Amino acid sequence: METNESTDDELLARSVLRPQVLGVLYERHAASVFRFITRRAGPAAAEDLVGDVFVAAIEARVRYRPHESGSALPWLYGISGNVVRTYLRKQRPSAVIDTHVGVDWHAVDDRLDARATRDQLRRALASLSPAEREAFLLVAWEGLSAVEAARTLGVTPTVVRTRMTRARQRARTVLITTPVSAV
């Protein structure tokens, strides 16, 4: 029987022969994966796509490489990103999802007090390159470390730190020069 005391890496190592141990991994990370997908594809899509992520994880578990943090969350975010991109390619653009920026702005509304601040944040994120934006969202929004974000993106931690520095500089410039509009 698997316990919550096992690290994600240990669970994934055992899952090669016993895929049922991934249930513990699901219990640990499904809520985070759901939030990750919701911000990119909306809550209705996230309901279905979380299952797709964990099905893909079961299929990919033999290729999993342990991470120094012992967490599988960066790996699951990488799978989630692929699942969301596939889903969005198949869908028509939605009024809720800004596919150019990759953010569900209803989730942003839940976190921010004023619509004006939301619009200012939208402009700041839109000023970033797609690579900078993804690194920024993984670190600032998802709470990953630079090392974990690097693993998710398939780049080095130095690349993530560079993207974060550039993203902060660009966003700061937009936020300083763009007045907050009235609600």
N, C-alpha and C. Protein backbone atom coordinates (compact mmCIF):
# COMPACT_ATOMS: atom_id res chain seq x y z
N MET A 1 0.85 -1.19 0.00
CA MET A 1 0.00 0.00 0.00
C MET A 1 0.89 1.24 0.00
N GLU A 2 0.52 2.21 -0.81
CA GLU A 2 1.28 3.44 -0.92
C GLU A 2 0.78 4.46 0.08
N THR A 3 1.70 5.24 0.61
CA THR A 3 1.32 6.26 1.57
C THR A 3 1.70 7.62 1.04
N ASN A 4 1.19 8.63 1.70
CA ASN A 4 1.53 10.00 1.33
C ASN A 4 2.94 10.36 1.74
N GLU A 5 3.66 9.44 2.41
CA GLU A 5 5.03 9.70 2.81
C GLU A 5 6.01 9.48 1.66
N SER A 6 5.63 8.75 0.64
CA SER A 6 6.49 8.51 -0.51
C SER A 6 6.61 9.79 -1.33
N THR A 7 7.81 10.05 -1.85
CA THR A 7 7.97 11.21 -2.72
C THR A 7 7.35 10.89 -4.08
N ASP A 8 7.12 11.94 -4.85
CA ASP A 8 6.59 11.74 -6.20
C ASP A 8 7.53 10.87 -7.02
N ASP A 9 8.83 11.12 -6.89
CA ASP A 9 9.81 10.33 -7.64
C ASP A 9 9.72 8.84 -7.27
N GLU A 10 9.55 8.55 -5.98
CA GLU A 10 9.42 7.16 -5.55
C GLU A 10 8.15 6.53 -6.11
N LEU A 11 7.06 7.28 -6.08
CA LEU A 11 5.80 6.76 -6.62
C LEU A 11 5.93 6.46 -8.12
N LEU A 12 6.55 7.38 -8.84
CA LEU A 12 6.69 7.17 -10.28
C LEU A 12 7.62 6.00 -10.59
N ALA A 13 8.64 5.81 -9.78
CA ALA A 13 9.52 4.64 -9.99
C ALA A 13 8.74 3.35 -9.78
N ARG A 14 7.90 3.32 -8.74
CA ARG A 14 7.09 2.12 -8.48
C ARG A 14 6.00 1.92 -9.53
N SER A 15 5.55 3.01 -10.12
CA SER A 15 4.43 2.93 -11.06
C SER A 15 4.76 2.21 -12.35
N VAL A 16 6.04 2.04 -12.64
CA VAL A 16 6.42 1.34 -13.87
C VAL A 16 5.84 -0.07 -13.85
N LEU A 17 5.88 -0.70 -12.69
CA LEU A 17 5.32 -2.04 -12.56
C LEU A 17 3.92 -2.04 -11.95
N ARG A 18 3.59 -0.97 -11.22
CA ARG A 18 2.30 -0.90 -10.54
C ARG A 18 1.65 0.46 -10.80
N PRO A 19 1.00 0.65 -11.96
CA PRO A 19 0.44 1.95 -12.31
C PRO A 19 -0.60 2.48 -11.31
N GLN A 20 -1.20 1.61 -10.53
CA GLN A 20 -2.22 2.04 -9.59
C GLN A 20 -1.66 2.98 -8.51
N VAL A 21 -0.35 3.00 -8.27
CA VAL A 21 0.21 3.89 -7.26
C VAL A 21 0.10 5.35 -7.67
N LEU A 22 -0.19 5.60 -8.95
CA LEU A 22 -0.33 6.97 -9.41
C LEU A 22 -1.57 7.64 -8.84
N GLY A 23 -2.43 6.88 -8.18
CA GLY A 23 -3.58 7.47 -7.50
C GLY A 23 -3.15 8.47 -6.43
N VAL A 24 -2.07 8.18 -5.75
CA VAL A 24 -1.55 9.09 -4.73
C VAL A 24 -1.06 10.37 -5.40
N LEU A 25 -0.38 10.21 -6.54
CA LEU A 25 0.09 11.37 -7.30
C LEU A 25 -1.09 12.23 -7.74
N TYR A 26 -2.16 11.59 -8.17
CA TYR A 26 -3.38 12.32 -8.56
C TYR A 26 -3.93 13.10 -7.36
N GLU A 27 -4.03 12.46 -6.22
CA GLU A 27 -4.56 13.13 -5.03
C GLU A 27 -3.72 14.34 -4.64
N ARG A 28 -2.42 14.24 -4.81
CA ARG A 28 -1.52 15.34 -4.44
C ARG A 28 -1.62 16.52 -5.40
N HIS A 29 -1.73 16.24 -6.69
CA HIS A 29 -1.51 17.30 -7.67
C HIS A 29 -2.70 17.64 -8.57
N ALA A 30 -3.80 16.92 -8.47
CA ALA A 30 -4.92 17.19 -9.36
C ALA A 30 -5.44 18.61 -9.22
N ALA A 31 -5.51 19.13 -8.01
CA ALA A 31 -6.02 20.50 -7.81
C ALA A 31 -5.10 21.53 -8.47
N SER A 32 -3.80 21.35 -8.34
CA SER A 32 -2.86 22.29 -8.97
C SER A 32 -2.93 22.19 -10.49
N VAL A 33 -3.03 20.97 -11.00
CA VAL A 33 -3.15 20.78 -12.46
C VAL A 33 -4.46 21.40 -12.94
N PHE A 34 -5.52 21.23 -12.18
CA PHE A 34 -6.81 21.82 -12.54
C PHE A 34 -6.70 23.35 -12.64
N ARG A 35 -6.09 23.98 -11.64
CA ARG A 35 -5.92 25.44 -11.67
C ARG A 35 -5.06 25.87 -12.86
N PHE A 36 -3.99 25.14 -13.12
CA PHE A 36 -3.10 25.42 -14.25
C PHE A 36 -3.91 25.40 -15.56
N ILE A 37 -4.70 24.37 -15.75
CA ILE A 37 -5.49 24.24 -16.98
C ILE A 37 -6.60 25.27 -17.03
N THR A 38 -7.26 25.53 -15.91
CA THR A 38 -8.34 26.50 -15.86
C THR A 38 -7.88 27.86 -16.34
N ARG A 39 -6.69 28.27 -15.92
CA ARG A 39 -6.16 29.58 -16.33
C ARG A 39 -5.87 29.63 -17.82
N ARG A 40 -5.72 28.51 -18.45
CA ARG A 40 -5.37 28.49 -19.86
C ARG A 40 -6.54 28.11 -20.77
N ALA A 41 -7.45 27.30 -20.28
CA ALA A 41 -8.53 26.81 -21.15
C ALA A 41 -9.92 27.01 -20.57
N GLY A 42 -10.03 27.51 -19.35
CA GLY A 42 -11.33 27.73 -18.74
C GLY A 42 -11.74 26.55 -17.87
N PRO A 43 -12.66 26.81 -16.93
CA PRO A 43 -13.04 25.76 -15.97
C PRO A 43 -13.78 24.58 -16.60
N ALA A 44 -14.61 24.84 -17.59
CA ALA A 44 -15.36 23.73 -18.20
C ALA A 44 -14.41 22.76 -18.89
N ALA A 45 -13.45 23.28 -19.62
CA ALA A 45 -12.48 22.42 -20.31
C ALA A 45 -11.58 21.71 -19.29
N ALA A 46 -11.24 22.40 -18.22
CA ALA A 46 -10.34 21.83 -17.23
C ALA A 46 -10.92 20.56 -16.61
N GLU A 47 -12.23 20.53 -16.44
CA GLU A 47 -12.88 19.34 -15.87
C GLU A 47 -12.49 18.09 -16.65
N ASP A 48 -12.52 18.18 -17.98
CA ASP A 48 -12.19 17.03 -18.82
C ASP A 48 -10.68 16.85 -19.00
N LEU A 49 -9.97 17.96 -19.12
CA LEU A 49 -8.56 17.87 -19.47
C LEU A 49 -7.68 17.36 -18.33
N VAL A 50 -8.09 17.54 -17.09
CA VAL A 50 -7.30 17.01 -15.97
C VAL A 50 -7.16 15.50 -16.12
N GLY A 51 -8.24 14.86 -16.46
CA GLY A 51 -8.19 13.40 -16.68
C GLY A 51 -7.25 13.04 -17.82
N ASP A 52 -7.28 13.83 -18.90
CA ASP A 52 -6.39 13.59 -20.03
C ASP A 52 -4.92 13.71 -19.61
N VAL A 53 -4.64 14.69 -18.73
CA VAL A 53 -3.26 14.87 -18.26
C VAL A 53 -2.79 13.63 -17.51
N PHE A 54 -3.62 13.10 -16.64
CA PHE A 54 -3.18 11.95 -15.85
C PHE A 54 -3.15 10.67 -16.68
N VAL A 55 -4.00 10.56 -17.70
CA VAL A 55 -3.89 9.43 -18.63
C VAL A 55 -2.56 9.52 -19.38
N ALA A 56 -2.22 10.73 -19.84
CA ALA A 56 -0.93 10.92 -20.52
C ALA A 56 0.22 10.63 -19.57
N ALA A 57 0.08 11.00 -18.30
CA ALA A 57 1.13 10.73 -17.32
C ALA A 57 1.32 9.23 -17.11
N ILE A 58 0.23 8.50 -17.09
CA ILE A 58 0.34 7.04 -16.96
C ILE A 58 1.11 6.47 -18.14
N GLU A 59 0.79 6.96 -19.34
CA GLU A 59 1.47 6.47 -20.54
C GLU A 59 2.94 6.89 -20.57
N ALA A 60 3.26 8.07 -20.01
CA ALA A 60 4.62 8.60 -20.08
C ALA A 60 5.46 8.26 -18.85
N ARG A 61 4.91 7.57 -17.88
CA ARG A 61 5.60 7.35 -16.61
C ARG A 61 6.94 6.63 -16.78
N VAL A 62 7.07 5.80 -17.80
CA VAL A 62 8.32 5.07 -17.99
C VAL A 62 9.45 5.98 -18.47
N ARG A 63 9.08 7.17 -19.00
CA ARG A 63 10.08 8.13 -19.47
C ARG A 63 10.38 9.21 -18.44
N TYR A 64 9.73 9.17 -17.30
CA TYR A 64 9.92 10.18 -16.26
C TYR A 64 11.34 10.14 -15.73
N ARG A 65 11.93 11.32 -15.57
CA ARG A 65 13.26 11.44 -14.99
C ARG A 65 13.13 12.18 -13.66
N PRO A 66 13.65 11.61 -12.59
CA PRO A 66 13.53 12.25 -11.26
C PRO A 66 14.09 13.67 -11.26
N HIS A 67 13.47 14.50 -10.43
CA HIS A 67 13.88 15.89 -10.28
C HIS A 67 14.46 16.07 -8.89
N GLU A 68 15.41 16.98 -8.76
CA GLU A 68 16.05 17.18 -7.46
C GLU A 68 15.07 17.57 -6.36
N SER A 69 13.95 18.18 -6.74
CA SER A 69 12.95 18.56 -5.73
C SER A 69 12.14 17.37 -5.25
N GLY A 70 12.16 16.28 -6.01
CA GLY A 70 11.34 15.11 -5.67
C GLY A 70 9.89 15.26 -6.08
N SER A 71 9.54 16.40 -6.66
CA SER A 71 8.15 16.67 -7.06
C SER A 71 7.95 16.37 -8.54
N ALA A 72 6.80 15.80 -8.85
CA ALA A 72 6.43 15.54 -10.23
C ALA A 72 5.61 16.69 -10.82
N LEU A 73 5.34 17.73 -10.03
CA LEU A 73 4.47 18.81 -10.51
C LEU A 73 5.02 19.50 -11.75
N PRO A 74 6.31 19.82 -11.84
CA PRO A 74 6.80 20.43 -13.09
C PRO A 74 6.56 19.53 -14.31
N TRP A 75 6.77 18.24 -14.13
CA TRP A 75 6.53 17.27 -15.20
C TRP A 75 5.05 17.26 -15.58
N LEU A 76 4.18 17.28 -14.58
CA LEU A 76 2.73 17.31 -14.85
C LEU A 76 2.31 18.61 -15.53
N TYR A 77 2.94 19.75 -15.15
CA TYR A 77 2.65 21.01 -15.83
C TYR A 77 3.08 20.94 -17.29
N GLY A 78 4.19 20.30 -17.57
CA GLY A 78 4.64 20.13 -18.95
C GLY A 78 3.63 19.33 -19.75
N ILE A 79 3.15 18.24 -19.18
CA ILE A 79 2.12 17.43 -19.84
C ILE A 79 0.85 18.26 -20.00
N SER A 80 0.48 19.01 -18.96
CA SER A 80 -0.73 19.85 -19.00
C SER A 80 -0.64 20.86 -20.13
N GLY A 81 0.52 21.50 -20.27
CA GLY A 81 0.69 22.47 -21.35
C GLY A 81 0.47 21.84 -22.71
N ASN A 82 0.98 20.64 -22.91
CA ASN A 82 0.78 19.94 -24.18
C ASN A 82 -0.70 19.60 -24.40
N VAL A 83 -1.36 19.13 -23.36
CA VAL A 83 -2.78 18.79 -23.46
C VAL A 83 -3.60 20.03 -23.77
N VAL A 84 -3.31 21.15 -23.11
CA VAL A 84 -4.05 22.39 -23.35
C VAL A 84 -3.82 22.89 -24.77
N ARG A 85 -2.57 22.87 -25.24
CA ARG A 85 -2.29 23.33 -26.61
C ARG A 85 -3.05 22.50 -27.63
N THR A 86 -3.08 21.20 -27.43
CA THR A 86 -3.84 20.33 -28.34
C THR A 86 -5.32 20.67 -28.30
N TYR A 87 -5.85 20.86 -27.11
CA TYR A 87 -7.26 21.22 -26.94
C TYR A 87 -7.57 22.55 -27.63
N LEU A 88 -6.75 23.57 -27.39
CA LEU A 88 -7.01 24.90 -27.95
C LEU A 88 -6.92 24.91 -29.48
N ARG A 89 -6.03 24.09 -30.03
CA ARG A 89 -5.94 24.01 -31.50
C ARG A 89 -7.23 23.46 -32.09
N LYS A 90 -7.91 22.61 -31.34
CA LYS A 90 -9.15 21.99 -31.83
C LYS A 90 -10.38 22.85 -31.61
N GLN A 91 -10.27 23.87 -30.76
CA GLN A 91 -11.42 24.70 -30.40
C GLN A 91 -11.44 25.99 -31.19
N ARG A 92 -12.61 26.58 -31.25
CA ARG A 92 -12.72 27.94 -31.78
C ARG A 92 -12.27 28.88 -30.68
N PRO A 93 -11.74 30.04 -31.06
CA PRO A 93 -11.39 31.02 -30.02
C PRO A 93 -12.62 31.34 -29.17
N SER A 94 -12.40 31.45 -27.90
CA SER A 94 -13.48 31.72 -26.95
C SER A 94 -13.39 33.14 -26.44
N ALA A 95 -14.52 33.69 -26.07
CA ALA A 95 -14.54 35.04 -25.50
C ALA A 95 -13.86 35.06 -24.14
N VAL A 96 -13.83 33.91 -23.48
CA VAL A 96 -13.27 33.84 -22.13
C VAL A 96 -11.76 33.69 -22.18
N ILE A 97 -11.26 32.97 -23.15
CA ILE A 97 -9.85 32.65 -23.21
C ILE A 97 -9.16 33.56 -24.23
N ASP A 98 -8.12 34.20 -23.80
CA ASP A 98 -7.27 34.99 -24.69
C ASP A 98 -6.15 34.06 -25.11
N THR A 99 -6.29 33.38 -26.25
CA THR A 99 -5.32 32.38 -26.65
C THR A 99 -3.97 32.98 -26.98
N HIS A 100 -3.93 34.27 -27.31
CA HIS A 100 -2.65 34.91 -27.59
C HIS A 100 -1.81 34.98 -26.32
N VAL A 101 -2.43 35.29 -25.22
CA VAL A 101 -1.71 35.40 -23.96
C VAL A 101 -1.75 34.09 -23.19
N GLY A 102 -2.76 33.25 -23.41
CA GLY A 102 -2.85 31.96 -22.74
C GLY A 102 -3.34 32.03 -21.32
N VAL A 103 -4.25 32.96 -21.04
CA VAL A 103 -4.74 33.14 -19.67
C VAL A 103 -6.26 33.20 -19.68
N ASP A 104 -6.88 32.54 -18.74
CA ASP A 104 -8.32 32.64 -18.50
C ASP A 104 -8.53 33.85 -17.61
N TRP A 105 -9.04 34.93 -18.18
CA TRP A 105 -9.12 36.18 -17.44
C TRP A 105 -10.19 36.17 -16.36
N HIS A 106 -11.10 35.22 -16.38
CA HIS A 106 -12.04 35.10 -15.26
C HIS A 106 -11.29 34.70 -13.99
N ALA A 107 -10.27 33.87 -14.14
CA ALA A 107 -9.46 33.49 -12.98
C ALA A 107 -8.71 34.71 -12.46
N VAL A 108 -8.28 35.57 -13.36
CA VAL A 108 -7.59 36.79 -12.94
C VAL A 108 -8.57 37.69 -12.19
N ASP A 109 -9.81 37.79 -12.69
CA ASP A 109 -10.82 38.60 -12.00
C ASP A 109 -11.02 38.14 -10.55
N ASP A 110 -10.95 36.84 -10.34
CA ASP A 110 -11.12 36.32 -8.99
C ASP A 110 -9.99 36.76 -8.07
N ARG A 111 -8.83 37.04 -8.63
CA ARG A 111 -7.67 37.39 -7.83
C ARG A 111 -7.47 38.90 -7.71
N LEU A 112 -7.97 39.66 -8.62
CA LEU A 112 -7.73 41.10 -8.60
C LEU A 112 -8.99 41.85 -8.21
N ASP A 113 -8.82 42.98 -7.57
CA ASP A 113 -9.96 43.73 -7.08
C ASP A 113 -10.67 44.54 -8.15
N ALA A 114 -9.95 45.09 -9.08
CA ALA A 114 -10.56 46.04 -10.02
C ALA A 114 -10.30 45.65 -11.46
N ARG A 115 -11.29 45.90 -12.30
CA ARG A 115 -11.17 45.62 -13.73
C ARG A 115 -10.02 46.43 -14.34
N ALA A 116 -9.81 47.62 -13.86
CA ALA A 116 -8.73 48.45 -14.40
C ALA A 116 -7.37 47.80 -14.17
N THR A 117 -7.18 47.22 -13.02
CA THR A 117 -5.92 46.54 -12.73
C THR A 117 -5.77 45.33 -13.64
N ARG A 118 -6.86 44.66 -13.90
CA ARG A 118 -6.85 43.51 -14.80
C ARG A 118 -6.39 43.93 -16.19
N ASP A 119 -6.94 45.02 -16.69
CA ASP A 119 -6.57 45.48 -18.03
C ASP A 119 -5.11 45.90 -18.09
N GLN A 120 -4.63 46.49 -17.02
CA GLN A 120 -3.23 46.89 -16.97
C GLN A 120 -2.34 45.63 -16.95
N LEU A 121 -2.72 44.63 -16.20
CA LEU A 121 -1.98 43.37 -16.17
C LEU A 121 -2.01 42.69 -17.54
N ARG A 122 -3.16 42.73 -18.20
CA ARG A 122 -3.28 42.14 -19.54
C ARG A 122 -2.29 42.79 -20.49
N ARG A 123 -2.19 44.12 -20.45
CA ARG A 123 -1.25 44.82 -21.33
C ARG A 123 0.19 44.44 -21.00
N ALA A 124 0.49 44.32 -19.71
CA ALA A 124 1.85 43.95 -19.30
C ALA A 124 2.20 42.54 -19.80
N LEU A 125 1.29 41.59 -19.62
CA LEU A 125 1.55 40.23 -20.09
C LEU A 125 1.61 40.16 -21.61
N ALA A 126 0.79 40.93 -22.28
CA ALA A 126 0.80 40.94 -23.74
C ALA A 126 2.10 41.52 -24.29
N SER A 127 2.79 42.33 -23.50
CA SER A 127 4.05 42.92 -23.96
C SER A 127 5.19 41.91 -23.92
N LEU A 128 5.00 40.80 -23.25
CA LEU A 128 6.05 39.79 -23.13
C LEU A 128 6.06 38.87 -24.34
N SER A 129 7.21 38.34 -24.66
CA SER A 129 7.28 37.32 -25.71
C SER A 129 6.59 36.06 -25.17
N PRO A 130 6.14 35.17 -26.03
CA PRO A 130 5.52 33.93 -25.53
C PRO A 130 6.43 33.15 -24.58
N ALA A 131 7.71 33.09 -24.86
CA ALA A 131 8.64 32.36 -23.99
C ALA A 131 8.77 33.05 -22.63
N GLU A 132 8.86 34.37 -22.64
CA GLU A 132 8.95 35.12 -21.38
C GLU A 132 7.66 34.96 -20.57
N ARG A 133 6.53 35.04 -21.26
CA ARG A 133 5.24 34.95 -20.59
C ARG A 133 5.06 33.59 -19.93
N GLU A 134 5.43 32.52 -20.63
CA GLU A 134 5.26 31.18 -20.06
C GLU A 134 6.17 31.00 -18.84
N ALA A 135 7.40 31.44 -18.93
CA ALA A 135 8.31 31.36 -17.78
C ALA A 135 7.76 32.18 -16.61
N PHE A 136 7.31 33.38 -16.90
CA PHE A 136 6.76 34.26 -15.87
C PHE A 136 5.55 33.63 -15.18
N LEU A 137 4.63 33.08 -15.97
CA LEU A 137 3.43 32.48 -15.39
C LEU A 137 3.75 31.24 -14.56
N LEU A 138 4.71 30.44 -15.03
CA LEU A 138 5.07 29.25 -14.26
C LEU A 138 5.69 29.62 -12.92
N VAL A 139 6.52 30.64 -12.91
CA VAL A 139 7.20 31.02 -11.66
C VAL A 139 6.29 31.89 -10.78
N ALA A 140 5.73 32.95 -11.35
CA ALA A 140 4.95 33.90 -10.55
C ALA A 140 3.56 33.38 -10.22
N TRP A 141 2.92 32.71 -11.14
CA TRP A 141 1.53 32.31 -10.93
C TRP A 141 1.43 30.89 -10.39
N GLU A 142 2.19 29.97 -10.98
CA GLU A 142 2.12 28.57 -10.56
C GLU A 142 3.00 28.28 -9.35
N GLY A 143 3.94 29.19 -9.05
CA GLY A 143 4.77 29.04 -7.88
C GLY A 143 5.93 28.07 -8.04
N LEU A 144 6.32 27.78 -9.27
CA LEU A 144 7.46 26.88 -9.48
C LEU A 144 8.77 27.63 -9.27
N SER A 145 9.80 26.91 -8.92
CA SER A 145 11.14 27.49 -8.86
C SER A 145 11.67 27.60 -10.30
N ALA A 146 12.77 28.31 -10.46
CA ALA A 146 13.38 28.43 -11.80
C ALA A 146 13.79 27.05 -12.31
N VAL A 147 14.27 26.20 -11.43
CA VAL A 147 14.69 24.85 -11.83
C VAL A 147 13.48 24.04 -12.29
N GLU A 148 12.39 24.12 -11.54
CA GLU A 148 11.18 23.37 -11.91
C GLU A 148 10.58 23.92 -13.21
N ALA A 149 10.55 25.23 -13.35
CA ALA A 149 10.03 25.83 -14.59
C ALA A 149 10.90 25.43 -15.77
N ALA A 150 12.19 25.39 -15.57
CA ALA A 150 13.11 24.98 -16.64
C ALA A 150 12.80 23.56 -17.10
N ARG A 151 12.55 22.71 -16.14
CA ARG A 151 12.23 21.32 -16.49
C ARG A 151 10.92 21.26 -17.27
N THR A 152 9.94 22.03 -16.85
CA THR A 152 8.65 22.07 -17.53
C THR A 152 8.81 22.55 -18.97
N LEU A 153 9.66 23.55 -19.17
CA LEU A 153 9.83 24.16 -20.49
C LEU A 153 10.89 23.47 -21.34
N GLY A 154 11.67 22.60 -20.75
CA GLY A 154 12.71 21.91 -21.50
C GLY A 154 13.92 22.79 -21.80
N VAL A 155 14.21 23.72 -20.88
CA VAL A 155 15.37 24.61 -21.03
C VAL A 155 16.17 24.56 -19.74
N THR A 156 17.26 25.31 -19.70
CA THR A 156 18.07 25.35 -18.49
C THR A 156 17.52 26.37 -17.51
N PRO A 157 17.83 26.23 -16.22
CA PRO A 157 17.41 27.24 -15.24
C PRO A 157 17.94 28.63 -15.58
N THR A 158 19.11 28.72 -16.17
CA THR A 158 19.66 30.02 -16.56
C THR A 158 18.77 30.69 -17.59
N VAL A 159 18.26 29.92 -18.53
CA VAL A 159 17.35 30.47 -19.54
C VAL A 159 16.08 31.00 -18.87
N VAL A 160 15.55 30.26 -17.91
CA VAL A 160 14.34 30.71 -17.20
C VAL A 160 14.63 32.00 -16.44
N ARG A 161 15.76 32.06 -15.74
CA ARG A 161 16.09 33.28 -15.00
C ARG A 161 16.24 34.47 -15.94
N THR A 162 16.87 34.25 -17.09
CA THR A 162 17.01 35.32 -18.08
C THR A 162 15.65 35.78 -18.57
N ARG A 163 14.78 34.83 -18.89
CA ARG A 163 13.42 35.18 -19.35
C ARG A 163 12.66 35.93 -18.26
N MET A 164 12.83 35.50 -17.01
CA MET A 164 12.15 36.17 -15.90
C MET A 164 12.64 37.61 -15.75
N THR A 165 13.94 37.81 -15.86
CA THR A 165 14.49 39.16 -15.75
C THR A 165 13.93 40.05 -16.85
N ARG A 166 13.94 39.56 -18.07
CA ARG A 166 13.41 40.34 -19.19
C ARG A 166 11.92 40.59 -19.02
N ALA A 167 11.19 39.57 -18.58
CA ALA A 167 9.74 39.71 -18.39
C ALA A 167 9.44 40.77 -17.33
N ARG A 168 10.16 40.73 -16.23
CA ARG A 168 9.94 41.73 -15.18
C ARG A 168 10.24 43.14 -15.67
N GLN A 169 11.33 43.28 -16.43
CA GLN A 169 11.68 44.61 -16.95
C GLN A 169 10.61 45.13 -17.90
N ARG A 170 10.17 44.28 -18.83
CA ARG A 170 9.13 44.70 -19.78
C ARG A 170 7.82 45.02 -19.07
N ALA A 171 7.41 44.13 -18.18
CA ALA A 171 6.14 44.32 -17.46
C ALA A 171 6.20 45.59 -16.61
N ARG A 172 7.32 45.81 -15.94
CA ARG A 172 7.48 47.01 -15.12
C ARG A 172 7.33 48.26 -15.97
N THR A 173 7.96 48.27 -17.15
CA THR A 173 7.86 49.42 -18.06
C THR A 173 6.41 49.68 -18.45
N VAL A 174 5.70 48.63 -18.81
CA VAL A 174 4.29 48.78 -19.20
C VAL A 174 3.45 49.26 -18.02
N LEU A 175 3.68 48.68 -16.86
CA LEU A 175 2.89 49.06 -15.69
C LEU A 175 3.16 50.50 -15.25
N ILE A 176 4.39 50.96 -15.41
CA ILE A 176 4.73 52.32 -15.02
C ILE A 176 4.18 53.33 -16.02
N THR A 177 4.22 52.99 -17.32
CA THR A 177 3.82 53.95 -18.35
C THR A 177 2.35 53.89 -18.72
N THR A 178 1.64 52.86 -18.29
CA THR A 178 0.22 52.72 -18.64
C THR A 178 -0.63 53.16 -17.46
N PRO A 179 -1.46 54.19 -17.66
CA PRO A 179 -2.34 54.61 -16.55
C PRO A 179 -3.41 53.56 -16.29
N VAL A 180 -3.80 53.46 -15.04
CA VAL A 180 -4.89 52.56 -14.67
C VAL A 180 -6.18 53.22 -15.15
N SER A 181 -6.93 52.50 -15.98
CA SER A 181 -8.17 53.06 -16.51
C SER A 181 -9.29 52.95 -15.50
N ALA A 182 -10.28 53.75 -15.67
CA ALA A 182 -11.44 53.73 -14.75
C ALA A 182 -12.24 52.48 -14.95
N VAL A 183 -12.87 52.02 -13.88
CA VAL A 183 -13.66 50.78 -13.94
C VAL A 183 -14.93 51.02 -14.71
